[in-house]
C-alpha atoms as a PDB file:
ATOM      1  CA  ALA A   1    -160.878   6.788   2.941  1.00  0.00           C
ATOM      2  CA  TRP A   2    -163.632   8.959   1.486  1.00  0.00           C
ATOM      3  CA  GLU A   3    -165.141   9.579   4.927  1.00  0.00           C
ATOM      4  CA  THR A   4    -161.696  10.445   6.288  1.00  0.00           C
ATOM      5  CA  VAL A   5    -161.257  13.089   3.596  1.00  0.00           C
ATOM      6  CA  ARG A   6    -164.688  14.547   4.258  1.00  0.00           C
ATOM      7  CA  ASN A   7    -164.046  14.686   7.998  1.00  0.00           C
ATOM      8  CA  ALA A   8    -160.660  16.344   7.452  1.00  0.00           C
ATOM      9  CA  ALA A   9    -162.394  19.373   5.930  1.00  0.00           C
ATOM     10  CA  GLU A  10    -163.767  20.202   9.384  1.00  0.00           C
ATOM     11  CA  PHE A  11    -160.259  20.937  10.700  1.00  0.00           C
ATOM     12  CA  PHE A  12    -159.729  23.939   8.413  1.00  0.00           C
ATOM     13  CA  PRO A  13    -160.372  27.382   9.927  1.00  0.00           C
ATOM     14  CA  GLU A  14    -163.627  29.082   8.965  1.00  0.00           C
ATOM     15  CA  ARG A  15    -161.826  31.680   6.834  1.00  0.00           C
ATOM     16  CA  VAL A  16    -160.610  28.907   4.506  1.00  0.00           C
ATOM     17  CA  GLU A  17    -163.220  27.719   2.024  1.00  0.00           C
ATOM     18  CA  VAL A  18    -162.938  23.964   1.512  1.00  0.00           C
ATOM     19  CA  SER A  19    -164.671  21.916  -1.152  1.00  0.00           C
ATOM     20  CA  VAL A  20    -164.442  18.114  -1.091  1.00  0.00           C
ATOM     21  CA  GLU A  21    -165.610  16.396  -4.245  1.00  0.00           C
ATOM     22  CA  ARG A  22    -165.629  12.881  -5.609  1.00  0.00           C
ATOM     23  CA  LEU A  23    -165.523  12.131  -9.311  1.00  0.00           C
ATOM     24  CA  PRO A  24    -167.313   9.088 -10.749  1.00  0.00           C
ATOM     25  CA  THR A  25    -164.109   7.844 -12.372  1.00  0.00           C
ATOM     26  CA  ASN A  26    -160.350   8.329 -12.088  1.00  0.00           C
ATOM     27  CA  GLY A  27    -159.387  10.479 -15.063  1.00  0.00           C
ATOM     28  CA  GLY A  28    -155.721  10.759 -14.088  1.00  0.00           C
ATOM     29  CA  ARG A  29    -153.710  13.629 -12.644  1.00  0.00           C
ATOM     30  CA  PRO A  30    -153.618  15.967 -15.670  1.00  0.00           C
ATOM     31  CA  ALA A  31    -157.378  15.809 -16.215  1.00  0.00           C
ATOM     32  CA  GLY A  32    -158.016  16.209 -12.485  1.00  0.00           C
ATOM     33  CA  HIS A  33    -155.753  19.244 -12.268  1.00  0.00           C
ATOM     34  CA  ASN A  34    -157.365  20.848 -15.310  1.00  0.00           C
ATOM     35  CA  TRP A  35    -160.878  20.197 -14.020  1.00  0.00           C
ATOM     36  CA  LEU A  36    -160.142  21.954 -10.718  1.00  0.00           C
ATOM     37  CA  LEU A  37    -158.368  24.824 -12.473  1.00  0.00           C
ATOM     38  CA  GLU A  38    -161.390  25.383 -14.710  1.00  0.00           C
ATOM     39  CA  LYS A  39    -164.175  24.764 -12.202  1.00  0.00           C
ATOM     40  CA  TYR A  40    -163.064  27.365  -9.659  1.00  0.00           C
ATOM     41  CA  ASP A  41    -162.324  31.050 -10.171  1.00  0.00           C
ATOM     42  CA  HIS A  42    -158.619  31.659  -9.528  1.00  0.00           C
ATOM     43  CA  SER A  43    -158.500  35.112 -11.124  1.00  0.00           C
ATOM     44  CA  ALA A  44    -157.723  36.843  -7.809  1.00  0.00           C
ATOM     45  CA  ALA A  45    -154.926  34.434  -6.890  1.00  0.00           C
ATOM     46  CA  GLU A  46    -151.250  35.223  -7.232  1.00  0.00           C
ATOM     47  CA  TYR A  47    -150.262  31.593  -6.765  1.00  0.00           C
ATOM     48  CA  ILE A  48    -152.045  28.255  -7.086  1.00  0.00           C
ATOM     49  CA  ALA A  49    -150.959  25.252  -4.996  1.00  0.00           C
ATOM     50  CA  ILE A  50    -151.353  21.700  -6.280  1.00  0.00           C
ATOM     51  CA  GLY A  51    -150.627  18.709  -4.041  1.00  0.00           C
ATOM     52  CA  ASP A  52    -151.074  14.946  -4.200  1.00  0.00           C
ATOM     53  CA  ASP A  53    -153.572  13.148  -1.993  1.00  0.00           C
ATOM     54  CA  ASP A  54    -150.920  10.744  -0.676  1.00  0.00           C
ATOM     55  CA  LEU A  55    -148.764  13.319   1.102  1.00  0.00           C
ATOM     56  CA  ILE A  56    -148.424  12.130   4.702  1.00  0.00           C
ATOM     57  CA  PHE A  57    -146.346  14.981   6.140  1.00  0.00           C
ATOM     58  CA  VAL A  58    -146.145  18.614   5.081  1.00  0.00           C
ATOM     59  CA  PRO A  59    -144.440  21.207   7.327  1.00  0.00           C
ATOM     60  CA  PRO A  60    -146.837  23.871   8.633  1.00  0.00           C
ATOM     61  CA  ASP A  61    -144.873  26.727   7.034  1.00  0.00           C
ATOM     62  CA  TRP A  62    -144.533  25.112   3.580  1.00  0.00           C
ATOM     63  CA  LEU A  63    -146.764  27.616   1.776  1.00  0.00           C
ATOM     64  CA  ARG A  64    -145.072  30.698   3.214  1.00  0.00           C
ATOM     65  CA  LYS A  65    -141.646  29.296   2.302  1.00  0.00           C
ATOM     66  CA  MET A  66    -142.725  28.413  -1.236  1.00  0.00           C
ATOM     67  CA  VAL A  67    -144.246  31.837  -1.846  1.00  0.00           C
ATOM     68  CA  ASN A  68    -141.139  33.578  -0.484  1.00  0.00           C
ATOM     69  CA  THR A  69    -139.002  31.390  -2.746  1.00  0.00           C
ATOM     70  CA  ALA A  70    -141.103  32.234  -5.792  1.00  0.00           C
ATOM     71  CA  ARG A  71    -140.841  35.957  -5.060  1.00  0.00           C
ATOM     72  CA  ALA A  72    -137.057  35.729  -4.771  1.00  0.00           C
ATOM     73  CA  PHE A  73    -136.787  34.635  -8.423  1.00  0.00           C
ATOM     74  CA  THR A  74    -138.140  37.175 -10.895  1.00  0.00           C
ATOM     75  CA  ARG A  75    -138.957  34.550 -13.560  1.00  0.00           C
ATOM     76  CA  SER A  76    -140.248  31.857 -11.224  1.00  0.00           C
ATOM     77  CA  ALA A  77    -143.319  29.985 -12.460  1.00  0.00           C
ATOM     78  CA  CYS A  78    -143.177  26.924 -10.215  1.00  0.00           C
ATOM     79  CA  VAL A  79    -141.660  25.996  -6.852  1.00  0.00           C
ATOM     80  CA  GLY A  80    -141.373  22.437  -5.558  1.00  0.00           C
ATOM     81  CA  ALA A  81    -140.022  20.711  -2.461  1.00  0.00           C
ATOM     82  CA  ARG A  82    -137.762  17.811  -1.490  1.00  0.00           C
ATOM     83  CA  ALA A  83    -139.810  14.625  -1.367  1.00  0.00           C
ATOM     84  CA  VAL A  84    -138.810  11.655   0.788  1.00  0.00           C
ATOM     85  CA  ASN A  85    -140.363   8.317   1.634  1.00  0.00           C
ATOM     86  CA  ARG A  86    -142.212   7.698   4.883  1.00  0.00           C
ATOM     87  CA  GLU A  87    -139.725   5.268   6.464  1.00  0.00           C
ATOM     88  CA  TRP A  88    -136.675   6.105   8.547  1.00  0.00           C
ATOM     89  CA  PRO A  89    -134.009   6.695   7.478  1.00  0.00           C
ATOM     90  CA  HIS A  90    -135.625   8.826   4.822  1.00  0.00           C
ATOM     91  CA  ARG A  91    -134.740   8.155   1.213  1.00  0.00           C
ATOM     92  CA  ILE A  92    -134.950  10.743  -1.544  1.00  0.00           C
ATOM     93  CA  HIS A  93    -137.359  10.238  -4.414  1.00  0.00           C
ATOM     94  CA  GLY A  94    -137.804  13.823  -5.519  1.00  0.00           C
ATOM     95  CA  ALA A  95    -135.286  16.646  -5.754  1.00  0.00           C
ATOM     96  CA  ALA A  96    -133.977  19.028  -8.428  1.00  0.00           C
ATOM     97  CA  PHE A  97    -133.985  17.111 -11.696  1.00  0.00           C
ATOM     98  CA  HIS A  98    -132.100  18.196 -14.797  1.00  0.00           C
ATOM     99  CA  ILE A  99    -132.629  16.881 -18.315  1.00  0.00           C
ATOM    100  CA  THR A 100    -129.306  15.293 -19.276  1.00  0.00           C
ATOM    101  CA  GLU A 101    -130.341  13.945 -22.688  1.00  0.00           C
ATOM    102  CA  PHE A 102    -133.102  14.836 -25.139  1.00  0.00           C
ATOM    103  CA  SER A 103    -133.009  13.220 -28.571  1.00  0.00           C
ATOM    104  CA  ASP A 104    -135.354  11.750 -31.159  1.00  0.00           C
ATOM    105  CA  ASP A 105    -135.764   8.580 -29.109  1.00  0.00           C
ATOM    106  CA  THR A 106    -134.500   9.282 -25.568  1.00  0.00           C
ATOM    107  CA  ILE A 107    -135.096  11.562 -22.621  1.00  0.00           C
ATOM    108  CA  ARG A 108    -132.928  11.183 -19.514  1.00  0.00           C
ATOM    109  CA  LEU A 109    -133.118  13.029 -16.230  1.00  0.00           C
ATOM    110  CA  SER A 110    -130.600  13.179 -13.401  1.00  0.00           C
ATOM    111  CA  ASN A 111    -131.673  10.471 -10.970  1.00  0.00           C
ATOM    112  CA  HIS A 112    -131.916  11.021  -7.215  1.00  0.00           C
ATOM    113  CA  HIS A 113    -134.301   8.173  -6.510  1.00  0.00           C
ATOM    114  CA  GLU A 114    -133.685   5.928  -3.494  1.00  0.00           C
ATOM    115  CA  MET A 115    -130.706   7.890  -2.170  1.00  0.00           C
ATOM    116  CA  ASP A 116    -130.340   8.175   1.607  1.00  0.00           C
ATOM    117  CA  ASP A 117    -131.222  11.684   2.711  1.00  0.00           C
ATOM    118  CA  HIS A 118    -128.169  13.126   4.482  1.00  0.00           C
ATOM    119  CA  GLY A 119    -129.152  16.739   3.857  1.00  0.00           C
ATOM    120  CA  GLN A 120    -127.343  16.887   0.513  1.00  0.00           C
ATOM    121  CA  PHE A 121    -130.434  18.457  -1.053  1.00  0.00           C
ATOM    122  CA  ASP A 122    -130.956  21.151   1.587  1.00  0.00           C
ATOM    123  CA  VAL A 123    -130.431  23.746  -1.125  1.00  0.00           C
ATOM    124  CA  LEU A 124    -132.152  26.133  -3.489  1.00  0.00           C
ATOM    125  CA  ASP A 125    -131.657  25.334  -7.156  1.00  0.00           C
ATOM    126  CA  MET A 126    -132.971  26.158 -10.613  1.00  0.00           C
ATOM    127  CA  ALA A 127    -134.213  22.890 -12.125  1.00  0.00           C
ATOM    128  CA  ASP A 128    -135.696  21.464 -15.292  1.00  0.00           C
ATOM    129  CA  HIS A 129    -138.170  19.470 -13.220  1.00  0.00           C
ATOM    130  CA  VAL A 130    -139.177  19.091  -9.576  1.00  0.00           C
ATOM    131  CA  ASN A 131    -141.084  16.058  -8.302  1.00  0.00           C
ATOM    132  CA  GLY A 132    -144.794  16.693  -8.721  1.00  0.00           C
ATOM    133  CA  CYS A 133    -146.243  15.788  -5.297  1.00  0.00           C
ATOM    134  CA  LEU A 134    -146.463  19.427  -4.082  1.00  0.00           C
ATOM    135  CA  HIS A 135    -146.000  22.618  -6.123  1.00  0.00           C
ATOM    136  CA  ILE A 136    -147.091  26.211  -6.206  1.00  0.00           C
ATOM    137  CA  TYR A 137    -147.552  27.861  -9.592  1.00  0.00           C
ATOM    138  CA  GLU A 138    -147.551  31.533 -10.443  1.00  0.00           C
ATOM    139  CA  ARG A 139    -151.063  31.930 -11.824  1.00  0.00           C
ATOM    140  CA  LYS A 140    -150.179  34.197 -14.746  1.00  0.00           C
ATOM    141  CA  ALA A 141    -147.403  31.864 -15.869  1.00  0.00           C
ATOM    142  CA  LEU A 142    -149.745  28.896 -15.633  1.00  0.00           C
ATOM    143  CA  GLU A 143    -152.290  30.701 -17.786  1.00  0.00           C
ATOM    144  CA  ALA A 144    -149.607  31.730 -20.279  1.00  0.00           C
ATOM    145  CA  VAL A 145    -148.359  28.190 -21.000  1.00  0.00           C
ATOM    146  CA  GLY A 146    -151.665  26.378 -20.580  1.00  0.00           C
ATOM    147  CA  HIS A 147    -152.946  23.528 -18.457  1.00  0.00           C
ATOM    148  CA  PHE A 148    -151.596  20.013 -18.075  1.00  0.00           C
ATOM    149  CA  ASP A 149    -151.527  17.736 -21.107  1.00  0.00           C
ATOM    150  CA  ILE A 150    -154.086  14.951 -20.645  1.00  0.00           C
ATOM    151  CA  ARG A 151    -152.165  12.732 -23.059  1.00  0.00           C
ATOM    152  CA  PHE A 152    -149.781  12.003 -20.172  1.00  0.00           C
ATOM    153  CA  SER A 153    -152.434  10.309 -18.063  1.00  0.00           C
ATOM    154  CA  PRO A 154    -152.519   8.853 -15.491  1.00  0.00           C
ATOM    155  CA  ALA A 155    -149.420  10.606 -14.170  1.00  0.00           C
ATOM    156  CA  GLN A 156    -146.082   9.620 -15.670  1.00  0.00           C
ATOM    157  CA  PHE A 157    -144.113  12.501 -17.235  1.00  0.00           C
ATOM    158  CA  VAL A 158    -147.017  14.960 -16.968  1.00  0.00           C
ATOM    159  CA  ASP A 159    -145.035  17.305 -14.682  1.00  0.00           C
ATOM    160  CA  VAL A 160    -141.805  16.762 -16.631  1.00  0.00           C
ATOM    161  CA  GLU A 161    -143.575  17.922 -19.791  1.00  0.00           C
ATOM    162  CA  HIS A 162    -145.310  20.841 -18.104  1.00  0.00           C
ATOM    163  CA  HIS A 163    -142.106  22.065 -16.495  1.00  0.00           C
ATOM    164  CA  LEU A 164    -140.288  21.768 -19.818  1.00  0.00           C
ATOM    165  CA  ARG A 165    -143.039  23.859 -21.385  1.00  0.00           C
ATOM    166  CA  LEU A 166    -142.552  26.503 -18.685  1.00  0.00           C
ATOM    167  CA  ARG A 167    -138.796  26.510 -19.253  1.00  0.00           C
ATOM    168  CA  LEU A 168    -139.153  26.847 -23.019  1.00  0.00           C
ATOM    169  CA  ALA A 169    -141.473  29.814 -22.433  1.00  0.00           C
ATOM    170  CA  GLY A 170    -138.738  31.598 -20.469  1.00  0.00           C
ATOM    171  CA  TYR A 171    -139.848  30.808 -16.921  1.00  0.00           C
ATOM    172  CA  ASP A 172    -137.867  29.220 -14.089  1.00  0.00           C
ATOM    173  CA  VAL A 173    -138.717  26.082 -12.126  1.00  0.00           C
ATOM    174  CA  ILE A 174    -137.293  26.341  -8.617  1.00  0.00           C
ATOM    175  CA  PHE A 175    -136.421  23.581  -6.171  1.00  0.00           C
ATOM    176  CA  ASN A 176    -136.426  24.414  -2.448  1.00  0.00           C
ATOM    177  CA  GLY A 177    -134.862  21.464  -0.665  1.00  0.00           C
ATOM    178  CA  LEU A 178    -135.270  23.190   2.689  1.00  0.00           C
ATOM    179  CA  ILE A 179    -138.946  22.224   2.488  1.00  0.00           C
ATOM    180  CA  ARG A 180    -139.214  18.484   3.150  1.00  0.00           C
ATOM    181  CA  VAL A 181    -142.422  16.563   2.515  1.00  0.00           C
ATOM    182  CA  GLU A 182    -143.122  12.885   3.063  1.00  0.00           C
ATOM    183  CA  HIS A 183    -144.862  11.189   0.186  1.00  0.00           C
ATOM    184  CA  LEU A 184    -146.529   7.773   0.220  1.00  0.00           C
ATOM    185  CA  ARG A 185    -146.021   7.404  -3.550  1.00  0.00           C
ATOM    186  CA  GLY A 186    -149.312   5.667  -4.148  1.00  0.00           C
ATOM    187  CA  MET A 187    -148.777   5.754  -7.920  1.00  0.00           C
ATOM    188  CA  VAL A 188    -145.554   3.723  -7.779  1.00  0.00           C
ATOM    189  CA  ASN A 189    -146.205   0.368  -9.338  1.00  0.00           C
ATOM    190  CA  ARG A 190    -143.654  -1.538 -11.395  1.00  0.00           C
ATOM    191  CA  SER A 191    -146.178  -3.730 -13.179  1.00  0.00           C
ATOM    192  CA  ARG A 192    -145.624  -4.311 -16.897  1.00  0.00           C
ATOM    193  CA  GLU A 193    -148.695  -2.224 -17.633  1.00  0.00           C
ATOM    194  CA  ARG A 194    -147.468   0.752 -15.589  1.00  0.00           C
ATOM    195  CA  VAL A 195    -143.958   0.535 -17.001  1.00  0.00           C
ATOM    196  CA  GLY A 196    -145.404   0.372 -20.514  1.00  0.00           C
ATOM    197  CA  ASN A 197    -147.519   3.462 -19.892  1.00  0.00           C
ATOM    198  CA  SER A 198    -144.484   5.335 -18.557  1.00  0.00           C
ATOM    199  CA  LEU A 199    -142.407   4.418 -21.607  1.00  0.00           C
ATOM    200  CA  GLY A 200    -145.262   5.470 -23.866  1.00  0.00           C
ATOM    201  CA  ASN A 201    -145.546   8.851 -22.151  1.00  0.00           C
ATOM    202  CA  ALA A 202    -141.801   9.400 -22.451  1.00  0.00           C
ATOM    203  CA  TYR A 203    -142.096   8.698 -26.179  1.00  0.00           C
ATOM    204  CA  LYS A 204    -144.977  11.187 -26.466  1.00  0.00           C
ATOM    205  CA  LEU A 205    -142.862  13.802 -24.727  1.00  0.00           C
ATOM    206  CA  ILE A 206    -139.809  13.527 -26.934  1.00  0.00           C
ATOM    207  CA  HIS A 207    -142.000  13.701 -30.054  1.00  0.00           C
ATOM    208  CA  LYS A 208    -143.946  16.732 -28.835  1.00  0.00           C
ATOM    209  CA  TYR A 209    -140.896  18.983 -29.165  1.00  0.00           C
ATOM    210  CA  LEU A 210    -138.040  19.414 -31.644  1.00  0.00           C
ATOM    211  CA  PRO A 211    -134.963  17.955 -29.924  1.00  0.00           C
ATOM    212  CA  GLU A 212    -132.556  20.561 -31.289  1.00  0.00           C
ATOM    213  CA  GLU A 213    -134.722  23.402 -29.955  1.00  0.00           C
ATOM    214  CA  VAL A 214    -134.983  21.750 -26.543  1.00  0.00           C
ATOM    215  CA  ARG A 215    -131.244  21.116 -26.351  1.00  0.00           C
ATOM    216  CA  ARG A 216    -130.439  24.669 -27.420  1.00  0.00           C
ATOM    217  CA  GLU A 217    -132.735  26.165 -24.792  1.00  0.00           C
ATOM    218  CA  LEU A 218    -131.585  23.809 -22.050  1.00  0.00           C
ATOM    219  CA  THR A 219    -127.967  24.670 -22.811  1.00  0.00           C
ATOM    220  CA  ARG A 220    -128.690  28.382 -22.646  1.00  0.00           C
ATOM    221  CA  ARG A 221    -130.645  28.090 -19.424  1.00  0.00           C
ATOM    222  CA  GLY A 222    -128.001  25.787 -17.975  1.00  0.00           C
ATOM    223  CA  GLU A 223    -125.382  28.469 -18.547  1.00  0.00           C
ATOM    224  CA  GLU A 224    -127.632  30.950 -16.756  1.00  0.00           C
ATOM    225  CA  ARG A 225    -127.925  28.541 -13.828  1.00  0.00           C
ATOM    226  CA  ILE A 226    -124.144  28.139 -13.573  1.00  0.00           C
ATOM    227  CA  ALA A 227    -123.730  31.927 -13.609  1.00  0.00           C
ATOM    228  CA  TRP A 228    -126.339  32.220 -10.856  1.00  0.00           C
ATOM    229  CA  LEU A 229    -124.677  29.508  -8.734  1.00  0.00           C
ATOM    230  CA  SER A 230    -121.291  31.194  -9.100  1.00  0.00           C
ATOM    231  CA  GLY A 231    -122.696  34.585  -8.124  1.00  0.00           C
ATOM    232  CA  GLU A 232    -122.045  36.124 -11.529  1.00  0.00           C
ATOM    233  CA  SER A 233    -125.718  36.782 -12.178  1.00  0.00           C
ATOM    234  CA  GLY A 234    -128.211  38.957 -10.340  1.00  0.00           C
ATOM    235  CA  HIS A 235    -130.993  36.548 -11.355  1.00  0.00           C
END
């Protein structure tokens, strides 16, 4: 696999600088993201793209569409795509997620996992969270709210927390379901250990924020979303 990744770098055009690196240990997604964000100079970038290494299909125009989507929303900090599995018929495992409950001991998100993809998510939407396999971030917004929280290693809830942080800071997270990516989902593992880590990360998340403040902000932003969907807002 390592040789395949190294060889893949040769297929990029000369104008695109490619760096392929291998860490001595797997530090998890948040630490890996932060390391790359700190190691390289992104000060001239308007947007920063972050994608998983187990994406098996990405449309050739994905970046242009994501950037155009971000520019269409004045408060956009993050844009994500519709993620499906690799088999046919495709099944949804990532769309526009909304936090439906946030209390002292529970966080619940709308669940689109394992739904047959009939085109029902071929939409643009303002979300609380978009599946984390491929995003672009507005660089200034990313710098304003900070990097990814390494306490959510190896991966579970790290993007949910980061997107919530963006939302609480006044930014929008945008779902573009017209961009479809196929994702191998290499991190999916229902072992007791993995489930335990996921539950632990969910518990960390709900205790990182004051529930009443989260609920108040989500309600306010939800009303803005409804106004936007109904055409009553110029958002």
